[in-house]
């Protein structure tokens, strides 16, 4: 089943920011990539670490990230079958950006009162 993404190829001005957001924008993709990088590379583990994401949304985000070659999906021939996700070589190029976002967020949270 192929899902059609609204913004996948929308970039009328060949903008790098738009291209980046088409790949990893939205509420969940960066969190999914971050969780896989931190060792939560199985579906059930991701659901636990990101409890607000619905099962179907997590499935969709994983499929899109795999389609864009940011993550790799490995199915192990076991009973029951085991599936693990890992960051691809291409996807690892995004990790410094996610680290910078995390650092900025932590600094910003410390300077503001809730």
Protein backbone atom coordinates (compact mmCIF):
# COMPACT_ATOMS: atom_id res chain seq x y z
CA UNK A 1 0.00 0.00 0.00
CA UNK A 2 1.54 3.26 -1.10
CA UNK A 3 0.57 6.49 0.62
CA UNK A 4 0.87 9.75 -1.27
CA UNK A 5 2.48 12.54 0.70
CA UNK A 6 1.20 16.03 0.14
CA UNK A 7 4.50 17.90 0.31
CA UNK A 8 7.07 15.34 -0.83
CA UNK A 9 8.00 17.11 -4.05
CA UNK A 10 6.78 20.64 -3.33
CA UNK A 11 9.75 22.96 -3.70
CA UNK A 12 9.01 25.55 -6.40
CA UNK A 13 12.07 27.69 -5.61
CA UNK A 14 14.58 24.87 -5.00
CA UNK A 15 14.98 26.01 -1.40
CA UNK A 16 17.21 23.91 0.85
CA UNK A 17 15.02 24.54 3.91
CA UNK A 18 11.92 23.41 2.03
CA UNK A 19 13.76 20.30 0.85
CA UNK A 20 14.82 19.50 4.43
CA UNK A 21 11.28 19.98 5.74
CA UNK A 22 9.89 17.78 2.97
CA UNK A 23 12.20 15.00 4.20
CA UNK A 24 11.95 15.29 7.99
CA UNK A 25 9.44 18.02 8.74
CA UNK A 26 6.31 17.58 10.77
CA UNK A 27 5.67 16.69 14.36
CA UNK A 28 7.06 13.16 14.51
CA UNK A 29 9.88 12.36 12.09
CA UNK A 30 12.69 14.02 14.02
CA UNK A 31 11.50 12.27 17.20
CA UNK A 32 11.41 8.92 15.40
CA UNK A 33 14.93 9.43 14.02
CA UNK A 34 16.17 10.57 17.45
CA UNK A 35 14.63 7.55 19.20
CA UNK A 36 16.16 5.10 16.70
CA UNK A 37 19.54 6.78 17.14
CA UNK A 38 19.20 6.34 20.92
CA UNK A 39 18.70 2.59 20.54
CA UNK A 40 14.90 2.37 20.44
CA UNK A 41 14.95 0.60 17.11
CA UNK A 42 11.90 -1.65 17.43
CA UNK A 43 8.31 -0.59 16.85
CA UNK A 44 7.11 -1.38 20.39
CA UNK A 45 10.06 0.45 21.90
CA UNK A 46 9.31 3.55 19.80
CA UNK A 47 5.66 3.47 20.89
CA UNK A 48 6.80 3.48 24.53
CA UNK A 49 9.34 6.29 24.10
CA UNK A 50 6.89 8.43 22.04
CA UNK A 51 3.55 7.58 23.71
CA UNK A 52 1.64 10.45 22.05
CA UNK A 53 2.10 9.05 18.53
CA UNK A 54 -0.66 6.78 17.27
CA UNK A 55 0.19 3.33 15.91
CA UNK A 56 -0.88 4.29 12.39
CA UNK A 57 1.08 7.56 12.45
CA UNK A 58 4.21 5.73 13.59
CA UNK A 59 3.75 3.20 10.78
CA UNK A 60 3.35 6.03 8.24
CA UNK A 61 6.39 7.94 9.51
CA UNK A 62 8.57 4.83 9.46
CA UNK A 63 7.47 4.02 5.90
CA UNK A 64 8.19 7.56 4.69
CA UNK A 65 11.60 7.64 6.38
CA UNK A 66 12.43 4.28 4.83
CA UNK A 67 11.20 5.45 1.41
CA UNK A 68 13.48 8.49 1.69
CA UNK A 69 16.43 6.23 2.65
CA UNK A 70 16.84 7.92 6.02
CA UNK A 71 16.26 4.68 7.91
CA UNK A 72 16.71 1.03 7.02
CA UNK A 73 14.30 -1.73 7.97
CA UNK A 74 15.63 -5.20 8.73
CA UNK A 75 13.30 -8.19 9.09
CA UNK A 76 14.73 -11.19 10.92
CA UNK A 77 13.44 -14.63 9.93
CA UNK A 78 12.43 -15.68 13.43
CA UNK A 79 9.21 -16.82 15.01
CA UNK A 80 7.70 -14.44 15.80
CA UNK A 81 9.29 -12.19 13.15
CA UNK A 82 11.47 -9.39 14.49
CA UNK A 83 11.82 -6.04 12.72
CA UNK A 84 14.46 -3.46 13.58
CA UNK A 85 15.07 0.01 12.21
CA UNK A 86 18.45 1.68 11.93
CA UNK A 87 19.67 5.02 10.69
CA UNK A 88 21.11 4.70 7.17
CA UNK A 89 24.44 6.21 6.17
CA UNK A 90 22.48 8.98 4.43
CA UNK A 91 20.28 9.44 7.52
CA UNK A 92 23.32 9.84 9.76
CA UNK A 93 24.04 13.12 7.97
CA UNK A 94 20.89 14.51 9.66
CA UNK A 95 21.98 13.57 13.20
CA UNK A 96 24.20 16.65 13.80
CA UNK A 97 21.19 18.83 12.95
CA UNK A 98 18.99 16.97 15.43
CA UNK A 99 21.70 17.30 18.09
CA UNK A 100 21.84 21.05 17.43
CA UNK A 101 18.04 21.26 17.76
CA UNK A 102 18.19 19.35 21.06
CA UNK A 103 20.97 21.59 22.41
CA UNK A 104 19.06 24.73 21.46
CA UNK A 105 15.86 23.39 23.04
CA UNK A 106 17.60 22.51 26.31
CA UNK A 107 19.25 25.94 26.51
CA UNK A 108 15.99 27.71 25.70
CA UNK A 109 14.02 25.74 28.31
CA UNK A 110 16.55 26.65 30.99
CA UNK A 111 16.20 30.40 30.39
CA UNK A 112 12.40 30.49 30.46
CA UNK A 113 10.04 30.00 33.36
CA UNK A 114 7.08 27.71 32.91
